[in-house]
Each structure stands twice: as structure tokens, then as C-alpha cells.
Amino acid sequence: MNPGPSILLVEDNPMDVDLTLRAFGRRHLTNRVDVARDGEEALACLARWEGGEAPPAVVLLDLKLPRVDGLEVLRRLRASEAGKAVPVVVLTTSGENVDVRRAYELGANSYIIKPVNFEKFVEVAAQIELYWTVLNARPTA
């Protein structure tokens, strides 16, 4: 069975990484989930895409990251030929209007505030999986 395109999760909090992976596991997600644990690791992924590696179906991007923050990662993704067409869903605890506005100004495709309740998070994971890995049309190479 073809697992489909990967998902890149950019998240530094180990508990949130675990929560996200468990939520996708509960949904029996077949897509591989790669994890970048800070902004520099996310930008290293971008460098690999620029080198010809297939980009993910979607990037799930936290904003509050060490080394390079999520908004800077988003800015650099959108400035890159390899990253400008990759859908980016900001998945963060921040509901501050300034963060929401700035994320959209920098080219985020969606902004989701992380639910605290696990069952709600599973619902969010289901929506992300269905829309971004199944329904959303992606350009081919």
C-alpha cells in the first residue's frame, strides 16, 4: 500500500509531538510523519527539498520554536522556490491576533489553535489528514 506523501511536523515540545503522533495513529494515518524539533531542523528539510527531495504534502508548523521561530521558518519557506507551494498549517497554542495575522501575511494556508483535549486533537488530526493528504490537489514535479 502506498503511504502517500509525507507530513512534516515542526514542533519542539516532546509532549505535543507525542500527542500529534498518537492522534494520527488513532486515525491509522498511512502517511509518514517526519519531525523537525526546532526551526533549524525545519530549514534543513527545506535545503533537502531544494536538492531534489520530494517535499511533504503539508507542513504542520508551531510558532514558538527554539533557534529559529516559526514565523521566520514560514517566511523562508515562502521565499524559497522549493517551499513556496508547500501548504503550511500553523498548529500552535497561540491564539494572539498578532500571530494569526502575521502568519497569514507570510503565506500560511491555515491557522489552527491546538486543542487541549486529546479527543478534540484527534478530530483536528482527522481533518488535517483528510484535507491536506487526500483531498487537496498538489502540483506534480
C-alpha atoms as a PDB file:
ATOM      1  CA  MET A   1       0.000   0.000   0.000  1.00  0.00           C
ATOM      2  CA  ASN A   2       1.386   3.398  -0.995  1.00  0.00           C
ATOM      3  CA  PRO A   3       1.649   5.529   2.141  1.00  0.00           C
ATOM      4  CA  GLY A   4       1.261   8.742   0.154  1.00  0.00           C
ATOM      5  CA  PRO A   5       3.219  11.945   0.644  1.00  0.00           C
ATOM      6  CA  SER A   6       4.791  12.675   3.989  1.00  0.00           C
ATOM      7  CA  ILE A   7       3.775  15.247   6.589  1.00  0.00           C
ATOM      8  CA  LEU A   8       6.392  17.452   8.226  1.00  0.00           C
ATOM      9  CA  LEU A   9       5.628  18.258  11.858  1.00  0.00           C
ATOM     10  CA  VAL A  10       7.732  21.165  13.151  1.00  0.00           C
ATOM     11  CA  GLU A  11       7.351  21.005  16.929  1.00  0.00           C
ATOM     12  CA  ASP A  12       9.807  21.338  19.804  1.00  0.00           C
ATOM     13  CA  ASN A  13       7.599  20.190  22.694  1.00  0.00           C
ATOM     14  CA  PRO A  14       8.055  16.404  23.139  1.00  0.00           C
ATOM     15  CA  MET A  15       4.583  16.066  24.674  1.00  0.00           C
ATOM     16  CA  ASP A  16       2.988  17.839  21.696  1.00  0.00           C
ATOM     17  CA  VAL A  17       4.972  15.664  19.271  1.00  0.00           C
ATOM     18  CA  ASP A  18       3.726  12.574  21.098  1.00  0.00           C
ATOM     19  CA  LEU A  19       0.150  13.914  21.195  1.00  0.00           C
ATOM     20  CA  THR A  20       0.212  14.641  17.453  1.00  0.00           C
ATOM     21  CA  LEU A  21       1.690  11.254  16.561  1.00  0.00           C
ATOM     22  CA  ARG A  22      -0.822   9.463  18.801  1.00  0.00           C
ATOM     23  CA  ALA A  23      -3.695  11.443  17.254  1.00  0.00           C
ATOM     24  CA  PHE A  24      -2.571  10.460  13.755  1.00  0.00           C
ATOM     25  CA  GLY A  25      -2.042   6.882  14.970  1.00  0.00           C
ATOM     26  CA  ARG A  26      -5.581   6.787  16.294  1.00  0.00           C
ATOM     27  CA  ARG A  27      -6.699   7.729  12.783  1.00  0.00           C
ATOM     28  CA  HIS A  28      -4.480   4.999  11.253  1.00  0.00           C
ATOM     29  CA  LEU A  29      -2.700   7.599   9.161  1.00  0.00           C
ATOM     30  CA  THR A  30      -0.663   5.912   6.439  1.00  0.00           C
ATOM     31  CA  ASN A  31       1.410   8.980   5.586  1.00  0.00           C
ATOM     32  CA  ARG A  32       4.879   9.128   7.107  1.00  0.00           C
ATOM     33  CA  VAL A  33       5.258  11.903   9.661  1.00  0.00           C
ATOM     34  CA  ASP A  34       8.712  13.473   9.818  1.00  0.00           C
ATOM     35  CA  VAL A  35       9.512  15.610  12.848  1.00  0.00           C
ATOM     36  CA  ALA A  36      11.724  18.701  12.943  1.00  0.00           C
ATOM     37  CA  ARG A  37      12.266  19.672  16.578  1.00  0.00           C
ATOM     38  CA  ASP A  38      13.277  23.292  16.002  1.00  0.00           C
ATOM     39  CA  GLY A  39      13.376  25.919  13.286  1.00  0.00           C
ATOM     40  CA  GLU A  40      16.871  24.993  12.124  1.00  0.00           C
ATOM     41  CA  GLU A  41      15.836  21.361  11.550  1.00  0.00           C
ATOM     42  CA  ALA A  42      12.844  22.601   9.540  1.00  0.00           C
ATOM     43  CA  LEU A  43      15.119  24.756   7.393  1.00  0.00           C
ATOM     44  CA  ALA A  44      17.412  21.743   6.868  1.00  0.00           C
ATOM     45  CA  CYS A  45      14.383  19.966   5.380  1.00  0.00           C
ATOM     46  CA  LEU A  46      13.904  22.927   3.053  1.00  0.00           C
ATOM     47  CA  ALA A  47      17.524  22.576   1.916  1.00  0.00           C
ATOM     48  CA  ARG A  48      16.877  18.902   1.078  1.00  0.00           C
ATOM     49  CA  TRP A  49      13.796  19.851  -0.973  1.00  0.00           C
ATOM     50  CA  GLU A  50      15.916  22.377  -2.831  1.00  0.00           C
ATOM     51  CA  GLY A  51      18.305  19.499  -3.524  1.00  0.00           C
ATOM     52  CA  GLY A  52      15.550  17.461  -5.165  1.00  0.00           C
ATOM     53  CA  GLU A  53      13.957  15.529  -2.286  1.00  0.00           C
ATOM     54  CA  ALA A  54      10.171  15.432  -2.555  1.00  0.00           C
ATOM     55  CA  PRO A  55       8.508  17.980  -0.265  1.00  0.00           C
ATOM     56  CA  PRO A  56       5.758  16.878   2.114  1.00  0.00           C
ATOM     57  CA  ALA A  57       2.030  17.129   1.445  1.00  0.00           C
ATOM     58  CA  VAL A  58       1.804  19.634   4.281  1.00  0.00           C
ATOM     59  CA  VAL A  59       3.938  21.266   6.967  1.00  0.00           C
ATOM     60  CA  LEU A  60       2.415  21.485  10.449  1.00  0.00           C
ATOM     61  CA  LEU A  61       4.284  24.413  11.958  1.00  0.00           C
ATOM     62  CA  ASP A  62       4.439  25.522  15.568  1.00  0.00           C
ATOM     63  CA  LEU A  63       5.284  29.192  16.058  1.00  0.00           C
ATOM     64  CA  LYS A  64       7.151  29.095  19.362  1.00  0.00           C
ATOM     65  CA  LEU A  65      10.317  27.261  18.325  1.00  0.00           C
ATOM     66  CA  PRO A  66      13.900  27.438  19.581  1.00  0.00           C
ATOM     67  CA  ARG A  67      16.794  28.565  17.379  1.00  0.00           C
ATOM     68  CA  VAL A  68      14.606  29.908  14.547  1.00  0.00           C
ATOM     69  CA  ASP A  69      10.984  30.798  15.325  1.00  0.00           C
ATOM     70  CA  GLY A  70       8.065  29.506  13.290  1.00  0.00           C
ATOM     71  CA  LEU A  71       7.284  32.812  11.609  1.00  0.00           C
ATOM     72  CA  GLU A  72      10.853  33.032  10.305  1.00  0.00           C
ATOM     73  CA  VAL A  73      10.631  29.415   9.095  1.00  0.00           C
ATOM     74  CA  LEU A  74       7.407  30.315   7.280  1.00  0.00           C
ATOM     75  CA  ARG A  75       8.981  33.433   5.748  1.00  0.00           C
ATOM     76  CA  ARG A  76      11.933  31.413   4.449  1.00  0.00           C
ATOM     77  CA  LEU A  77       9.715  28.623   3.129  1.00  0.00           C
ATOM     78  CA  ARG A  78       7.708  31.132   1.119  1.00  0.00           C
ATOM     79  CA  ALA A  79      10.878  32.840  -0.165  1.00  0.00           C
ATOM     80  CA  SER A  80      12.209  29.520  -1.477  1.00  0.00           C
ATOM     81  CA  GLU A  81      11.321  28.068  -4.844  1.00  0.00           C
ATOM     82  CA  ALA A  82      11.120  24.591  -3.265  1.00  0.00           C
ATOM     83  CA  GLY A  83       8.960  25.668  -0.330  1.00  0.00           C
ATOM     84  CA  LYS A  84       6.648  28.310  -1.714  1.00  0.00           C
ATOM     85  CA  ALA A  85       3.994  25.855  -2.950  1.00  0.00           C
ATOM     86  CA  VAL A  86       4.075  23.536   0.091  1.00  0.00           C
ATOM     87  CA  PRO A  87       0.932  24.023   2.192  1.00  0.00           C
ATOM     88  CA  VAL A  88       1.707  25.256   5.708  1.00  0.00           C
ATOM     89  CA  VAL A  89      -0.740  24.790   8.545  1.00  0.00           C
ATOM     90  CA  VAL A  90       0.241  26.722  11.633  1.00  0.00           C
ATOM     91  CA  LEU A  91      -0.583  24.435  14.576  1.00  0.00           C
ATOM     92  CA  THR A  92       0.159  26.351  17.743  1.00  0.00           C
ATOM     93  CA  THR A  93      -1.075  27.263  21.200  1.00  0.00           C
ATOM     94  CA  SER A  94      -1.041  30.979  20.376  1.00  0.00           C
ATOM     95  CA  GLY A  95      -4.398  32.496  19.635  1.00  0.00           C
ATOM     96  CA  GLU A  96      -2.995  36.025  19.690  1.00  0.00           C
ATOM     97  CA  ASN A  97      -4.360  38.073  16.813  1.00  0.00           C
ATOM     98  CA  VAL A  98      -0.903  39.466  16.011  1.00  0.00           C
ATOM     99  CA  ASP A  99       0.404  35.896  15.457  1.00  0.00           C
ATOM    100  CA  VAL A 100      -2.608  34.866  13.377  1.00  0.00           C
ATOM    101  CA  ARG A 101      -2.354  37.996  11.210  1.00  0.00           C
ATOM    102  CA  ARG A 102       1.417  37.705  10.727  1.00  0.00           C
ATOM    103  CA  ALA A 103       1.196  34.009   9.834  1.00  0.00           C
ATOM    104  CA  TYR A 104      -1.335  34.739   7.098  1.00  0.00           C
ATOM    105  CA  GLU A 105       0.673  37.731   5.863  1.00  0.00           C
ATOM    106  CA  LEU A 106       3.677  35.412   5.492  1.00  0.00           C
ATOM    107  CA  GLY A 107       1.681  32.872   3.480  1.00  0.00           C
ATOM    108  CA  ALA A 108       0.222  30.343   5.925  1.00  0.00           C
ATOM    109  CA  ASN A 109      -2.557  28.298   4.359  1.00  0.00           C
ATOM    110  CA  SER A 110      -4.346  27.689   7.648  1.00  0.00           C
ATOM    111  CA  TYR A 111      -4.024  28.577  11.328  1.00  0.00           C
ATOM    112  CA  ILE A 112      -5.208  26.115  13.971  1.00  0.00           C
ATOM    113  CA  ILE A 113      -5.018  26.641  17.715  1.00  0.00           C
ATOM    114  CA  LYS A 114      -4.048  23.357  19.352  1.00  0.00           C
ATOM    115  CA  PRO A 115      -6.912  21.841  21.314  1.00  0.00           C
ATOM    116  CA  VAL A 116      -6.042  20.836  24.878  1.00  0.00           C
ATOM    117  CA  ASN A 117      -8.401  17.841  24.935  1.00  0.00           C
ATOM    118  CA  PHE A 118      -6.983  14.710  23.246  1.00  0.00           C
ATOM    119  CA  GLU A 119     -10.282  13.713  21.606  1.00  0.00           C
ATOM    120  CA  LYS A 120     -10.596  17.198  20.072  1.00  0.00           C
ATOM    121  CA  PHE A 121      -6.996  16.900  18.889  1.00  0.00           C
ATOM    122  CA  VAL A 122      -7.853  13.577  17.207  1.00  0.00           C
ATOM    123  CA  GLU A 123     -10.664  15.403  15.370  1.00  0.00           C
ATOM    124  CA  VAL A 124      -8.191  18.080  14.241  1.00  0.00           C
ATOM    125  CA  ALA A 125      -5.766  15.362  13.073  1.00  0.00           C
ATOM    126  CA  ALA A 126      -8.573  13.708  11.121  1.00  0.00           C
ATOM    127  CA  GLN A 127      -9.392  16.958   9.345  1.00  0.00           C
ATOM    128  CA  ILE A 128      -5.734  17.643   8.569  1.00  0.00           C
ATOM    129  CA  GLU A 129      -5.268  14.122   7.241  1.00  0.00           C
ATOM    130  CA  LEU A 130      -8.389  14.148   5.096  1.00  0.00           C
ATOM    131  CA  TYR A 131      -7.979  17.589   3.615  1.00  0.00           C
ATOM    132  CA  TRP A 132      -4.223  18.021   3.202  1.00  0.00           C
ATOM    133  CA  THR A 133      -3.170  14.464   2.314  1.00  0.00           C
ATOM    134  CA  VAL A 134      -6.234  13.166   0.435  1.00  0.00           C
ATOM    135  CA  LEU A 135      -8.453  15.931  -0.943  1.00  0.00           C
ATOM    136  CA  ASN A 136      -6.031  18.780  -1.595  1.00  0.00           C
ATOM    137  CA  ALA A 137      -4.578  18.729  -5.128  1.00  0.00           C
ATOM    138  CA  ARG A 138      -0.792  19.175  -5.273  1.00  0.00           C
ATOM    139  CA  PRO A 139       1.316  20.144  -8.270  1.00  0.00           C
ATOM    140  CA  THR A 140       3.366  17.325  -9.730  1.00  0.00           C
ATOM    141  CA  ALA A 141       7.092  17.620 -10.315  1.00  0.00           C
END
